[in-house]
Amino acid sequence: PDHPYVTEHPDWFTWRPDGTVQYAE
């Protein structure tokens, strides 16, 4: 979650309706 990509390229990840990022499941 604290990888630089998450802040530099947020659109490379899936964001849930509550504003949190989707972790692996």
PDBML (XML) file of the C-alpha atoms, coordinates in Angstrom:
<?xml version="1.0" encoding="UTF-8" ?>
<PDBx:datablock datablockName="MODEL"
   xmlns:PDBx="http://pdbml.pdb.org/schema/pdbx-v50.xsd"
   xmlns:xsi="http://www.w3.org/2001/XMLSchema-instance"
   xsi:schemaLocation="http://pdbml.pdb.org/schema/pdbx-v50.xsd pdbx-v50.xsd">
   <PDBx:atom_siteCategory>
      <PDBx:atom_site id="1">
         <PDBx:B_iso_or_equiv>0.00</PDBx:B_iso_or_equiv>
         <PDBx:Cartn_x>0.000</PDBx:Cartn_x>
         <PDBx:Cartn_y>0.000</PDBx:Cartn_y>
         <PDBx:Cartn_z>0.000</PDBx:Cartn_z>
         <PDBx:auth_asym_id>A</PDBx:auth_asym_id>
         <PDBx:auth_atom_id>CA</PDBx:auth_atom_id>
         <PDBx:auth_comp_id>PRO</PDBx:auth_comp_id>
         <PDBx:auth_seq_id>1</PDBx:auth_seq_id>
         <PDBx:group_PDB>ATOM</PDBx:group_PDB>
         <PDBx:label_alt_id xsi:nil="true" />
         <PDBx:label_asym_id>A</PDBx:label_asym_id>
         <PDBx:label_atom_id>CA</PDBx:label_atom_id>
         <PDBx:label_comp_id>PRO</PDBx:label_comp_id>
         <PDBx:label_entity_id>1</PDBx:label_entity_id>
         <PDBx:label_seq_id>1</PDBx:label_seq_id>
         <PDBx:occupancy>1.00</PDBx:occupancy>
         <PDBx:pdbx_PDB_model_num>1</PDBx:pdbx_PDB_model_num>
         <PDBx:type_symbol>C</PDBx:type_symbol>
      </PDBx:atom_site>
      <PDBx:atom_site id="2">
         <PDBx:B_iso_or_equiv>0.00</PDBx:B_iso_or_equiv>
         <PDBx:Cartn_x>2.925</PDBx:Cartn_x>
         <PDBx:Cartn_y>2.389</PDBx:Cartn_y>
         <PDBx:Cartn_z>0.543</PDBx:Cartn_z>
         <PDBx:auth_asym_id>A</PDBx:auth_asym_id>
         <PDBx:auth_atom_id>CA</PDBx:auth_atom_id>
         <PDBx:auth_comp_id>ASP</PDBx:auth_comp_id>
         <PDBx:auth_seq_id>2</PDBx:auth_seq_id>
         <PDBx:group_PDB>ATOM</PDBx:group_PDB>
         <PDBx:label_alt_id xsi:nil="true" />
         <PDBx:label_asym_id>A</PDBx:label_asym_id>
         <PDBx:label_atom_id>CA</PDBx:label_atom_id>
         <PDBx:label_comp_id>ASP</PDBx:label_comp_id>
         <PDBx:label_entity_id>1</PDBx:label_entity_id>
         <PDBx:label_seq_id>2</PDBx:label_seq_id>
         <PDBx:occupancy>1.00</PDBx:occupancy>
         <PDBx:pdbx_PDB_model_num>1</PDBx:pdbx_PDB_model_num>
         <PDBx:type_symbol>C</PDBx:type_symbol>
      </PDBx:atom_site>
      <PDBx:atom_site id="3">
         <PDBx:B_iso_or_equiv>0.00</PDBx:B_iso_or_equiv>
         <PDBx:Cartn_x>4.653</PDBx:Cartn_x>
         <PDBx:Cartn_y>1.643</PDBx:Cartn_y>
         <PDBx:Cartn_z>-2.777</PDBx:Cartn_z>
         <PDBx:auth_asym_id>A</PDBx:auth_asym_id>
         <PDBx:auth_atom_id>CA</PDBx:auth_atom_id>
         <PDBx:auth_comp_id>HIS</PDBx:auth_comp_id>
         <PDBx:auth_seq_id>3</PDBx:auth_seq_id>
         <PDBx:group_PDB>ATOM</PDBx:group_PDB>
         <PDBx:label_alt_id xsi:nil="true" />
         <PDBx:label_asym_id>A</PDBx:label_asym_id>
         <PDBx:label_atom_id>CA</PDBx:label_atom_id>
         <PDBx:label_comp_id>HIS</PDBx:label_comp_id>
         <PDBx:label_entity_id>1</PDBx:label_entity_id>
         <PDBx:label_seq_id>3</PDBx:label_seq_id>
         <PDBx:occupancy>1.00</PDBx:occupancy>
         <PDBx:pdbx_PDB_model_num>1</PDBx:pdbx_PDB_model_num>
         <PDBx:type_symbol>C</PDBx:type_symbol>
      </PDBx:atom_site>
      <PDBx:atom_site id="4">
         <PDBx:B_iso_or_equiv>0.00</PDBx:B_iso_or_equiv>
         <PDBx:Cartn_x>5.503</PDBx:Cartn_x>
         <PDBx:Cartn_y>4.909</PDBx:Cartn_y>
         <PDBx:Cartn_z>-4.610</PDBx:Cartn_z>
         <PDBx:auth_asym_id>A</PDBx:auth_asym_id>
         <PDBx:auth_atom_id>CA</PDBx:auth_atom_id>
         <PDBx:auth_comp_id>PRO</PDBx:auth_comp_id>
         <PDBx:auth_seq_id>4</PDBx:auth_seq_id>
         <PDBx:group_PDB>ATOM</PDBx:group_PDB>
         <PDBx:label_alt_id xsi:nil="true" />
         <PDBx:label_asym_id>A</PDBx:label_asym_id>
         <PDBx:label_atom_id>CA</PDBx:label_atom_id>
         <PDBx:label_comp_id>PRO</PDBx:label_comp_id>
         <PDBx:label_entity_id>1</PDBx:label_entity_id>
         <PDBx:label_seq_id>4</PDBx:label_seq_id>
         <PDBx:occupancy>1.00</PDBx:occupancy>
         <PDBx:pdbx_PDB_model_num>1</PDBx:pdbx_PDB_model_num>
         <PDBx:type_symbol>C</PDBx:type_symbol>
      </PDBx:atom_site>
      <PDBx:atom_site id="5">
         <PDBx:B_iso_or_equiv>0.00</PDBx:B_iso_or_equiv>
         <PDBx:Cartn_x>3.330</PDBx:Cartn_x>
         <PDBx:Cartn_y>3.833</PDBx:Cartn_y>
         <PDBx:Cartn_z>-7.560</PDBx:Cartn_z>
         <PDBx:auth_asym_id>A</PDBx:auth_asym_id>
         <PDBx:auth_atom_id>CA</PDBx:auth_atom_id>
         <PDBx:auth_comp_id>TYR</PDBx:auth_comp_id>
         <PDBx:auth_seq_id>5</PDBx:auth_seq_id>
         <PDBx:group_PDB>ATOM</PDBx:group_PDB>
         <PDBx:label_alt_id xsi:nil="true" />
         <PDBx:label_asym_id>A</PDBx:label_asym_id>
         <PDBx:label_atom_id>CA</PDBx:label_atom_id>
         <PDBx:label_comp_id>TYR</PDBx:label_comp_id>
         <PDBx:label_entity_id>1</PDBx:label_entity_id>
         <PDBx:label_seq_id>5</PDBx:label_seq_id>
         <PDBx:occupancy>1.00</PDBx:occupancy>
         <PDBx:pdbx_PDB_model_num>1</PDBx:pdbx_PDB_model_num>
         <PDBx:type_symbol>C</PDBx:type_symbol>
      </PDBx:atom_site>
      <PDBx:atom_site id="6">
         <PDBx:B_iso_or_equiv>0.00</PDBx:B_iso_or_equiv>
         <PDBx:Cartn_x>0.195</PDBx:Cartn_x>
         <PDBx:Cartn_y>4.122</PDBx:Cartn_y>
         <PDBx:Cartn_z>-5.395</PDBx:Cartn_z>
         <PDBx:auth_asym_id>A</PDBx:auth_asym_id>
         <PDBx:auth_atom_id>CA</PDBx:auth_atom_id>
         <PDBx:auth_comp_id>VAL</PDBx:auth_comp_id>
         <PDBx:auth_seq_id>6</PDBx:auth_seq_id>
         <PDBx:group_PDB>ATOM</PDBx:group_PDB>
         <PDBx:label_alt_id xsi:nil="true" />
         <PDBx:label_asym_id>A</PDBx:label_asym_id>
         <PDBx:label_atom_id>CA</PDBx:label_atom_id>
         <PDBx:label_comp_id>VAL</PDBx:label_comp_id>
         <PDBx:label_entity_id>1</PDBx:label_entity_id>
         <PDBx:label_seq_id>6</PDBx:label_seq_id>
         <PDBx:occupancy>1.00</PDBx:occupancy>
         <PDBx:pdbx_PDB_model_num>1</PDBx:pdbx_PDB_model_num>
         <PDBx:type_symbol>C</PDBx:type_symbol>
      </PDBx:atom_site>
      <PDBx:atom_site id="7">
         <PDBx:B_iso_or_equiv>0.00</PDBx:B_iso_or_equiv>
         <PDBx:Cartn_x>0.580</PDBx:Cartn_x>
         <PDBx:Cartn_y>7.890</PDBx:Cartn_y>
         <PDBx:Cartn_z>-5.010</PDBx:Cartn_z>
         <PDBx:auth_asym_id>A</PDBx:auth_asym_id>
         <PDBx:auth_atom_id>CA</PDBx:auth_atom_id>
         <PDBx:auth_comp_id>THR</PDBx:auth_comp_id>
         <PDBx:auth_seq_id>7</PDBx:auth_seq_id>
         <PDBx:group_PDB>ATOM</PDBx:group_PDB>
         <PDBx:label_alt_id xsi:nil="true" />
         <PDBx:label_asym_id>A</PDBx:label_asym_id>
         <PDBx:label_atom_id>CA</PDBx:label_atom_id>
         <PDBx:label_comp_id>THR</PDBx:label_comp_id>
         <PDBx:label_entity_id>1</PDBx:label_entity_id>
         <PDBx:label_seq_id>7</PDBx:label_seq_id>
         <PDBx:occupancy>1.00</PDBx:occupancy>
         <PDBx:pdbx_PDB_model_num>1</PDBx:pdbx_PDB_model_num>
         <PDBx:type_symbol>C</PDBx:type_symbol>
      </PDBx:atom_site>
      <PDBx:atom_site id="8">
         <PDBx:B_iso_or_equiv>0.00</PDBx:B_iso_or_equiv>
         <PDBx:Cartn_x>2.336</PDBx:Cartn_x>
         <PDBx:Cartn_y>8.544</PDBx:Cartn_y>
         <PDBx:Cartn_z>-8.328</PDBx:Cartn_z>
         <PDBx:auth_asym_id>A</PDBx:auth_asym_id>
         <PDBx:auth_atom_id>CA</PDBx:auth_atom_id>
         <PDBx:auth_comp_id>GLU</PDBx:auth_comp_id>
         <PDBx:auth_seq_id>8</PDBx:auth_seq_id>
         <PDBx:group_PDB>ATOM</PDBx:group_PDB>
         <PDBx:label_alt_id xsi:nil="true" />
         <PDBx:label_asym_id>A</PDBx:label_asym_id>
         <PDBx:label_atom_id>CA</PDBx:label_atom_id>
         <PDBx:label_comp_id>GLU</PDBx:label_comp_id>
         <PDBx:label_entity_id>1</PDBx:label_entity_id>
         <PDBx:label_seq_id>8</PDBx:label_seq_id>
         <PDBx:occupancy>1.00</PDBx:occupancy>
         <PDBx:pdbx_PDB_model_num>1</PDBx:pdbx_PDB_model_num>
         <PDBx:type_symbol>C</PDBx:type_symbol>
      </PDBx:atom_site>
      <PDBx:atom_site id="9">
         <PDBx:B_iso_or_equiv>0.00</PDBx:B_iso_or_equiv>
         <PDBx:Cartn_x>-0.069</PDBx:Cartn_x>
         <PDBx:Cartn_y>6.473</PDBx:Cartn_y>
         <PDBx:Cartn_z>-10.451</PDBx:Cartn_z>
         <PDBx:auth_asym_id>A</PDBx:auth_asym_id>
         <PDBx:auth_atom_id>CA</PDBx:auth_atom_id>
         <PDBx:auth_comp_id>HIS</PDBx:auth_comp_id>
         <PDBx:auth_seq_id>9</PDBx:auth_seq_id>
         <PDBx:group_PDB>ATOM</PDBx:group_PDB>
         <PDBx:label_alt_id xsi:nil="true" />
         <PDBx:label_asym_id>A</PDBx:label_asym_id>
         <PDBx:label_atom_id>CA</PDBx:label_atom_id>
         <PDBx:label_comp_id>HIS</PDBx:label_comp_id>
         <PDBx:label_entity_id>1</PDBx:label_entity_id>
         <PDBx:label_seq_id>9</PDBx:label_seq_id>
         <PDBx:occupancy>1.00</PDBx:occupancy>
         <PDBx:pdbx_PDB_model_num>1</PDBx:pdbx_PDB_model_num>
         <PDBx:type_symbol>C</PDBx:type_symbol>
      </PDBx:atom_site>
      <PDBx:atom_site id="10">
         <PDBx:B_iso_or_equiv>0.00</PDBx:B_iso_or_equiv>
         <PDBx:Cartn_x>-3.284</PDBx:Cartn_x>
         <PDBx:Cartn_y>5.923</PDBx:Cartn_y>
         <PDBx:Cartn_z>-8.465</PDBx:Cartn_z>
         <PDBx:auth_asym_id>A</PDBx:auth_asym_id>
         <PDBx:auth_atom_id>CA</PDBx:auth_atom_id>
         <PDBx:auth_comp_id>PRO</PDBx:auth_comp_id>
         <PDBx:auth_seq_id>10</PDBx:auth_seq_id>
         <PDBx:group_PDB>ATOM</PDBx:group_PDB>
         <PDBx:label_alt_id xsi:nil="true" />
         <PDBx:label_asym_id>A</PDBx:label_asym_id>
         <PDBx:label_atom_id>CA</PDBx:label_atom_id>
         <PDBx:label_comp_id>PRO</PDBx:label_comp_id>
         <PDBx:label_entity_id>1</PDBx:label_entity_id>
         <PDBx:label_seq_id>10</PDBx:label_seq_id>
         <PDBx:occupancy>1.00</PDBx:occupancy>
         <PDBx:pdbx_PDB_model_num>1</PDBx:pdbx_PDB_model_num>
         <PDBx:type_symbol>C</PDBx:type_symbol>
      </PDBx:atom_site>
      <PDBx:atom_site id="11">
         <PDBx:B_iso_or_equiv>0.00</PDBx:B_iso_or_equiv>
         <PDBx:Cartn_x>-5.135</PDBx:Cartn_x>
         <PDBx:Cartn_y>4.987</PDBx:Cartn_y>
         <PDBx:Cartn_z>-11.659</PDBx:Cartn_z>
         <PDBx:auth_asym_id>A</PDBx:auth_asym_id>
         <PDBx:auth_atom_id>CA</PDBx:auth_atom_id>
         <PDBx:auth_comp_id>ASP</PDBx:auth_comp_id>
         <PDBx:auth_seq_id>11</PDBx:auth_seq_id>
         <PDBx:group_PDB>ATOM</PDBx:group_PDB>
         <PDBx:label_alt_id xsi:nil="true" />
         <PDBx:label_asym_id>A</PDBx:label_asym_id>
         <PDBx:label_atom_id>CA</PDBx:label_atom_id>
         <PDBx:label_comp_id>ASP</PDBx:label_comp_id>
         <PDBx:label_entity_id>1</PDBx:label_entity_id>
         <PDBx:label_seq_id>11</PDBx:label_seq_id>
         <PDBx:occupancy>1.00</PDBx:occupancy>
         <PDBx:pdbx_PDB_model_num>1</PDBx:pdbx_PDB_model_num>
         <PDBx:type_symbol>C</PDBx:type_symbol>
      </PDBx:atom_site>
      <PDBx:atom_site id="12">
         <PDBx:B_iso_or_equiv>0.00</PDBx:B_iso_or_equiv>
         <PDBx:Cartn_x>-2.986</PDBx:Cartn_x>
         <PDBx:Cartn_y>1.847</PDBx:Cartn_y>
         <PDBx:Cartn_z>-11.904</PDBx:Cartn_z>
         <PDBx:auth_asym_id>A</PDBx:auth_asym_id>
         <PDBx:auth_atom_id>CA</PDBx:auth_atom_id>
         <PDBx:auth_comp_id>TRP</PDBx:auth_comp_id>
         <PDBx:auth_seq_id>12</PDBx:auth_seq_id>
         <PDBx:group_PDB>ATOM</PDBx:group_PDB>
         <PDBx:label_alt_id xsi:nil="true" />
         <PDBx:label_asym_id>A</PDBx:label_asym_id>
         <PDBx:label_atom_id>CA</PDBx:label_atom_id>
         <PDBx:label_comp_id>TRP</PDBx:label_comp_id>
         <PDBx:label_entity_id>1</PDBx:label_entity_id>
         <PDBx:label_seq_id>12</PDBx:label_seq_id>
         <PDBx:occupancy>1.00</PDBx:occupancy>
         <PDBx:pdbx_PDB_model_num>1</PDBx:pdbx_PDB_model_num>
         <PDBx:type_symbol>C</PDBx:type_symbol>
      </PDBx:atom_site>
      <PDBx:atom_site id="13">
         <PDBx:B_iso_or_equiv>0.00</PDBx:B_iso_or_equiv>
         <PDBx:Cartn_x>-4.960</PDBx:Cartn_x>
         <PDBx:Cartn_y>0.411</PDBx:Cartn_y>
         <PDBx:Cartn_z>-8.973</PDBx:Cartn_z>
         <PDBx:auth_asym_id>A</PDBx:auth_asym_id>
         <PDBx:auth_atom_id>CA</PDBx:auth_atom_id>
         <PDBx:auth_comp_id>PHE</PDBx:auth_comp_id>
         <PDBx:auth_seq_id>13</PDBx:auth_seq_id>
         <PDBx:group_PDB>ATOM</PDBx:group_PDB>
         <PDBx:label_alt_id xsi:nil="true" />
         <PDBx:label_asym_id>A</PDBx:label_asym_id>
         <PDBx:label_atom_id>CA</PDBx:label_atom_id>
         <PDBx:label_comp_id>PHE</PDBx:label_comp_id>
         <PDBx:label_entity_id>1</PDBx:label_entity_id>
         <PDBx:label_seq_id>13</PDBx:label_seq_id>
         <PDBx:occupancy>1.00</PDBx:occupancy>
         <PDBx:pdbx_PDB_model_num>1</PDBx:pdbx_PDB_model_num>
         <PDBx:type_symbol>C</PDBx:type_symbol>
      </PDBx:atom_site>
      <PDBx:atom_site id="14">
         <PDBx:B_iso_or_equiv>0.00</PDBx:B_iso_or_equiv>
         <PDBx:Cartn_x>-8.598</PDBx:Cartn_x>
         <PDBx:Cartn_y>-0.356</PDBx:Cartn_y>
         <PDBx:Cartn_z>-8.199</PDBx:Cartn_z>
         <PDBx:auth_asym_id>A</PDBx:auth_asym_id>
         <PDBx:auth_atom_id>CA</PDBx:auth_atom_id>
         <PDBx:auth_comp_id>THR</PDBx:auth_comp_id>
         <PDBx:auth_seq_id>14</PDBx:auth_seq_id>
         <PDBx:group_PDB>ATOM</PDBx:group_PDB>
         <PDBx:label_alt_id xsi:nil="true" />
         <PDBx:label_asym_id>A</PDBx:label_asym_id>
         <PDBx:label_atom_id>CA</PDBx:label_atom_id>
         <PDBx:label_comp_id>THR</PDBx:label_comp_id>
         <PDBx:label_entity_id>1</PDBx:label_entity_id>
         <PDBx:label_seq_id>14</PDBx:label_seq_id>
         <PDBx:occupancy>1.00</PDBx:occupancy>
         <PDBx:pdbx_PDB_model_num>1</PDBx:pdbx_PDB_model_num>
         <PDBx:type_symbol>C</PDBx:type_symbol>
      </PDBx:atom_site>
      <PDBx:atom_site id="15">
         <PDBx:B_iso_or_equiv>0.00</PDBx:B_iso_or_equiv>
         <PDBx:Cartn_x>-10.328</PDBx:Cartn_x>
         <PDBx:Cartn_y>1.925</PDBx:Cartn_y>
         <PDBx:Cartn_z>-5.715</PDBx:Cartn_z>
         <PDBx:auth_asym_id>A</PDBx:auth_asym_id>
         <PDBx:auth_atom_id>CA</PDBx:auth_atom_id>
         <PDBx:auth_comp_id>TRP</PDBx:auth_comp_id>
         <PDBx:auth_seq_id>15</PDBx:auth_seq_id>
         <PDBx:group_PDB>ATOM</PDBx:group_PDB>
         <PDBx:label_alt_id xsi:nil="true" />
         <PDBx:label_asym_id>A</PDBx:label_asym_id>
         <PDBx:label_atom_id>CA</PDBx:label_atom_id>
         <PDBx:label_comp_id>TRP</PDBx:label_comp_id>
         <PDBx:label_entity_id>1</PDBx:label_entity_id>
         <PDBx:label_seq_id>15</PDBx:label_seq_id>
         <PDBx:occupancy>1.00</PDBx:occupancy>
         <PDBx:pdbx_PDB_model_num>1</PDBx:pdbx_PDB_model_num>
         <PDBx:type_symbol>C</PDBx:type_symbol>
      </PDBx:atom_site>
      <PDBx:atom_site id="16">
         <PDBx:B_iso_or_equiv>0.00</PDBx:B_iso_or_equiv>
         <PDBx:Cartn_x>-13.408</PDBx:Cartn_x>
         <PDBx:Cartn_y>0.802</PDBx:Cartn_y>
         <PDBx:Cartn_z>-3.841</PDBx:Cartn_z>
         <PDBx:auth_asym_id>A</PDBx:auth_asym_id>
         <PDBx:auth_atom_id>CA</PDBx:auth_atom_id>
         <PDBx:auth_comp_id>ARG</PDBx:auth_comp_id>
         <PDBx:auth_seq_id>16</PDBx:auth_seq_id>
         <PDBx:group_PDB>ATOM</PDBx:group_PDB>
         <PDBx:label_alt_id xsi:nil="true" />
         <PDBx:label_asym_id>A</PDBx:label_asym_id>
         <PDBx:label_atom_id>CA</PDBx:label_atom_id>
         <PDBx:label_comp_id>ARG</PDBx:label_comp_id>
         <PDBx:label_entity_id>1</PDBx:label_entity_id>
         <PDBx:label_seq_id>16</PDBx:label_seq_id>
         <PDBx:occupancy>1.00</PDBx:occupancy>
         <PDBx:pdbx_PDB_model_num>1</PDBx:pdbx_PDB_model_num>
         <PDBx:type_symbol>C</PDBx:type_symbol>
      </PDBx:atom_site>
      <PDBx:atom_site id="17">
         <PDBx:B_iso_or_equiv>0.00</PDBx:B_iso_or_equiv>
         <PDBx:Cartn_x>-16.562</PDBx:Cartn_x>
         <PDBx:Cartn_y>2.922</PDBx:Cartn_y>
         <PDBx:Cartn_z>-3.279</PDBx:Cartn_z>
         <PDBx:auth_asym_id>A</PDBx:auth_asym_id>
         <PDBx:auth_atom_id>CA</PDBx:auth_atom_id>
         <PDBx:auth_comp_id>PRO</PDBx:auth_comp_id>
         <PDBx:auth_seq_id>17</PDBx:auth_seq_id>
         <PDBx:group_PDB>ATOM</PDBx:group_PDB>
         <PDBx:label_alt_id xsi:nil="true" />
         <PDBx:label_asym_id>A</PDBx:label_asym_id>
         <PDBx:label_atom_id>CA</PDBx:label_atom_id>
         <PDBx:label_comp_id>PRO</PDBx:label_comp_id>
         <PDBx:label_entity_id>1</PDBx:label_entity_id>
         <PDBx:label_seq_id>17</PDBx:label_seq_id>
         <PDBx:occupancy>1.00</PDBx:occupancy>
         <PDBx:pdbx_PDB_model_num>1</PDBx:pdbx_PDB_model_num>
         <PDBx:type_symbol>C</PDBx:type_symbol>
      </PDBx:atom_site>
      <PDBx:atom_site id="18">
         <PDBx:B_iso_or_equiv>0.00</PDBx:B_iso_or_equiv>
         <PDBx:Cartn_x>-15.471</PDBx:Cartn_x>
         <PDBx:Cartn_y>3.766</PDBx:Cartn_y>
         <PDBx:Cartn_z>0.276</PDBx:Cartn_z>
         <PDBx:auth_asym_id>A</PDBx:auth_asym_id>
         <PDBx:auth_atom_id>CA</PDBx:auth_atom_id>
         <PDBx:auth_comp_id>ASP</PDBx:auth_comp_id>
         <PDBx:auth_seq_id>18</PDBx:auth_seq_id>
         <PDBx:group_PDB>ATOM</PDBx:group_PDB>
         <PDBx:label_alt_id xsi:nil="true" />
         <PDBx:label_asym_id>A</PDBx:label_asym_id>
         <PDBx:label_atom_id>CA</PDBx:label_atom_id>
         <PDBx:label_comp_id>ASP</PDBx:label_comp_id>
         <PDBx:label_entity_id>1</PDBx:label_entity_id>
         <PDBx:label_seq_id>18</PDBx:label_seq_id>
         <PDBx:occupancy>1.00</PDBx:occupancy>
         <PDBx:pdbx_PDB_model_num>1</PDBx:pdbx_PDB_model_num>
         <PDBx:type_symbol>C</PDBx:type_symbol>
      </PDBx:atom_site>
      <PDBx:atom_site id="19">
         <PDBx:B_iso_or_equiv>0.00</PDBx:B_iso_or_equiv>
         <PDBx:Cartn_x>-12.276</PDBx:Cartn_x>
         <PDBx:Cartn_y>5.375</PDBx:Cartn_y>
         <PDBx:Cartn_z>-1.036</PDBx:Cartn_z>
         <PDBx:auth_asym_id>A</PDBx:auth_asym_id>
         <PDBx:auth_atom_id>CA</PDBx:auth_atom_id>
         <PDBx:auth_comp_id>GLY</PDBx:auth_comp_id>
         <PDBx:auth_seq_id>19</PDBx:auth_seq_id>
         <PDBx:group_PDB>ATOM</PDBx:group_PDB>
         <PDBx:label_alt_id xsi:nil="true" />
         <PDBx:label_asym_id>A</PDBx:label_asym_id>
         <PDBx:label_atom_id>CA</PDBx:label_atom_id>
         <PDBx:label_comp_id>GLY</PDBx:label_comp_id>
         <PDBx:label_entity_id>1</PDBx:label_entity_id>
         <PDBx:label_seq_id>19</PDBx:label_seq_id>
         <PDBx:occupancy>1.00</PDBx:occupancy>
         <PDBx:pdbx_PDB_model_num>1</PDBx:pdbx_PDB_model_num>
         <PDBx:type_symbol>C</PDBx:type_symbol>
      </PDBx:atom_site>
      <PDBx:atom_site id="20">
         <PDBx:B_iso_or_equiv>0.00</PDBx:B_iso_or_equiv>
         <PDBx:Cartn_x>-9.956</PDBx:Cartn_x>
         <PDBx:Cartn_y>2.555</PDBx:Cartn_y>
         <PDBx:Cartn_z>-0.023</PDBx:Cartn_z>
         <PDBx:auth_asym_id>A</PDBx:auth_asym_id>
         <PDBx:auth_atom_id>CA</PDBx:auth_atom_id>
         <PDBx:auth_comp_id>THR</PDBx:auth_comp_id>
         <PDBx:auth_seq_id>20</PDBx:auth_seq_id>
         <PDBx:group_PDB>ATOM</PDBx:group_PDB>
         <PDBx:label_alt_id xsi:nil="true" />
         <PDBx:label_asym_id>A</PDBx:label_asym_id>
         <PDBx:label_atom_id>CA</PDBx:label_atom_id>
         <PDBx:label_comp_id>THR</PDBx:label_comp_id>
         <PDBx:label_entity_id>1</PDBx:label_entity_id>
         <PDBx:label_seq_id>20</PDBx:label_seq_id>
         <PDBx:occupancy>1.00</PDBx:occupancy>
         <PDBx:pdbx_PDB_model_num>1</PDBx:pdbx_PDB_model_num>
         <PDBx:type_symbol>C</PDBx:type_symbol>
      </PDBx:atom_site>
      <PDBx:atom_site id="21">
         <PDBx:B_iso_or_equiv>0.00</PDBx:B_iso_or_equiv>
         <PDBx:Cartn_x>-7.727</PDBx:Cartn_x>
         <PDBx:Cartn_y>0.701</PDBx:Cartn_y>
         <PDBx:Cartn_z>-2.441</PDBx:Cartn_z>
         <PDBx:auth_asym_id>A</PDBx:auth_asym_id>
         <PDBx:auth_atom_id>CA</PDBx:auth_atom_id>
         <PDBx:auth_comp_id>VAL</PDBx:auth_comp_id>
         <PDBx:auth_seq_id>21</PDBx:auth_seq_id>
         <PDBx:group_PDB>ATOM</PDBx:group_PDB>
         <PDBx:label_alt_id xsi:nil="true" />
         <PDBx:label_asym_id>A</PDBx:label_asym_id>
         <PDBx:label_atom_id>CA</PDBx:label_atom_id>
         <PDBx:label_comp_id>VAL</PDBx:label_comp_id>
         <PDBx:label_entity_id>1</PDBx:label_entity_id>
         <PDBx:label_seq_id>21</PDBx:label_seq_id>
         <PDBx:occupancy>1.00</PDBx:occupancy>
         <PDBx:pdbx_PDB_model_num>1</PDBx:pdbx_PDB_model_num>
         <PDBx:type_symbol>C</PDBx:type_symbol>
      </PDBx:atom_site>
      <PDBx:atom_site id="22">
         <PDBx:B_iso_or_equiv>0.00</PDBx:B_iso_or_equiv>
         <PDBx:Cartn_x>-8.506</PDBx:Cartn_x>
         <PDBx:Cartn_y>-2.923</PDBx:Cartn_y>
         <PDBx:Cartn_z>-3.312</PDBx:Cartn_z>
         <PDBx:auth_asym_id>A</PDBx:auth_asym_id>
         <PDBx:auth_atom_id>CA</PDBx:auth_atom_id>
         <PDBx:auth_comp_id>GLN</PDBx:auth_comp_id>
         <PDBx:auth_seq_id>22</PDBx:auth_seq_id>
         <PDBx:group_PDB>ATOM</PDBx:group_PDB>
         <PDBx:label_alt_id xsi:nil="true" />
         <PDBx:label_asym_id>A</PDBx:label_asym_id>
         <PDBx:label_atom_id>CA</PDBx:label_atom_id>
         <PDBx:label_comp_id>GLN</PDBx:label_comp_id>
         <PDBx:label_entity_id>1</PDBx:label_entity_id>
         <PDBx:label_seq_id>22</PDBx:label_seq_id>
         <PDBx:occupancy>1.00</PDBx:occupancy>
         <PDBx:pdbx_PDB_model_num>1</PDBx:pdbx_PDB_model_num>
         <PDBx:type_symbol>C</PDBx:type_symbol>
      </PDBx:atom_site>
      <PDBx:atom_site id="23">
         <PDBx:B_iso_or_equiv>0.00</PDBx:B_iso_or_equiv>
         <PDBx:Cartn_x>-5.946</PDBx:Cartn_x>
         <PDBx:Cartn_y>-5.317</PDBx:Cartn_y>
         <PDBx:Cartn_z>-1.862</PDBx:Cartn_z>
         <PDBx:auth_asym_id>A</PDBx:auth_asym_id>
         <PDBx:auth_atom_id>CA</PDBx:auth_atom_id>
         <PDBx:auth_comp_id>TYR</PDBx:auth_comp_id>
         <PDBx:auth_seq_id>23</PDBx:auth_seq_id>
         <PDBx:group_PDB>ATOM</PDBx:group_PDB>
         <PDBx:label_alt_id xsi:nil="true" />
         <PDBx:label_asym_id>A</PDBx:label_asym_id>
         <PDBx:label_atom_id>CA</PDBx:label_atom_id>
         <PDBx:label_comp_id>TYR</PDBx:label_comp_id>
         <PDBx:label_entity_id>1</PDBx:label_entity_id>
         <PDBx:label_seq_id>23</PDBx:label_seq_id>
         <PDBx:occupancy>1.00</PDBx:occupancy>
         <PDBx:pdbx_PDB_model_num>1</PDBx:pdbx_PDB_model_num>
         <PDBx:type_symbol>C</PDBx:type_symbol>
      </PDBx:atom_site>
      <PDBx:atom_site id="24">
         <PDBx:B_iso_or_equiv>0.00</PDBx:B_iso_or_equiv>
         <PDBx:Cartn_x>-5.302</PDBx:Cartn_x>
         <PDBx:Cartn_y>-8.803</PDBx:Cartn_y>
         <PDBx:Cartn_z>-3.232</PDBx:Cartn_z>
         <PDBx:auth_asym_id>A</PDBx:auth_asym_id>
         <PDBx:auth_atom_id>CA</PDBx:auth_atom_id>
         <PDBx:auth_comp_id>ALA</PDBx:auth_comp_id>
         <PDBx:auth_seq_id>24</PDBx:auth_seq_id>
         <PDBx:group_PDB>ATOM</PDBx:group_PDB>
         <PDBx:label_alt_id xsi:nil="true" />
         <PDBx:label_asym_id>A</PDBx:label_asym_id>
         <PDBx:label_atom_id>CA</PDBx:label_atom_id>
         <PDBx:label_comp_id>ALA</PDBx:label_comp_id>
         <PDBx:label_entity_id>1</PDBx:label_entity_id>
         <PDBx:label_seq_id>24</PDBx:label_seq_id>
         <PDBx:occupancy>1.00</PDBx:occupancy>
         <PDBx:pdbx_PDB_model_num>1</PDBx:pdbx_PDB_model_num>
         <PDBx:type_symbol>C</PDBx:type_symbol>
      </PDBx:atom_site>
      <PDBx:atom_site id="25">
         <PDBx:B_iso_or_equiv>0.00</PDBx:B_iso_or_equiv>
         <PDBx:Cartn_x>-7.788</PDBx:Cartn_x>
         <PDBx:Cartn_y>-11.548</PDBx:Cartn_y>
         <PDBx:Cartn_z>-2.484</PDBx:Cartn_z>
         <PDBx:auth_asym_id>A</PDBx:auth_asym_id>
         <PDBx:auth_atom_id>CA</PDBx:auth_atom_id>
         <PDBx:auth_comp_id>GLU</PDBx:auth_comp_id>
         <PDBx:auth_seq_id>25</PDBx:auth_seq_id>
         <PDBx:group_PDB>ATOM</PDBx:group_PDB>
         <PDBx:label_alt_id xsi:nil="true" />
         <PDBx:label_asym_id>A</PDBx:label_asym_id>
         <PDBx:label_atom_id>CA</PDBx:label_atom_id>
         <PDBx:label_comp_id>GLU</PDBx:label_comp_id>
         <PDBx:label_entity_id>1</PDBx:label_entity_id>
         <PDBx:label_seq_id>25</PDBx:label_seq_id>
         <PDBx:occupancy>1.00</PDBx:occupancy>
         <PDBx:pdbx_PDB_model_num>1</PDBx:pdbx_PDB_model_num>
         <PDBx:type_symbol>C</PDBx:type_symbol>
      </PDBx:atom_site>
   </PDBx:atom_siteCategory>
</PDBx:datablock>
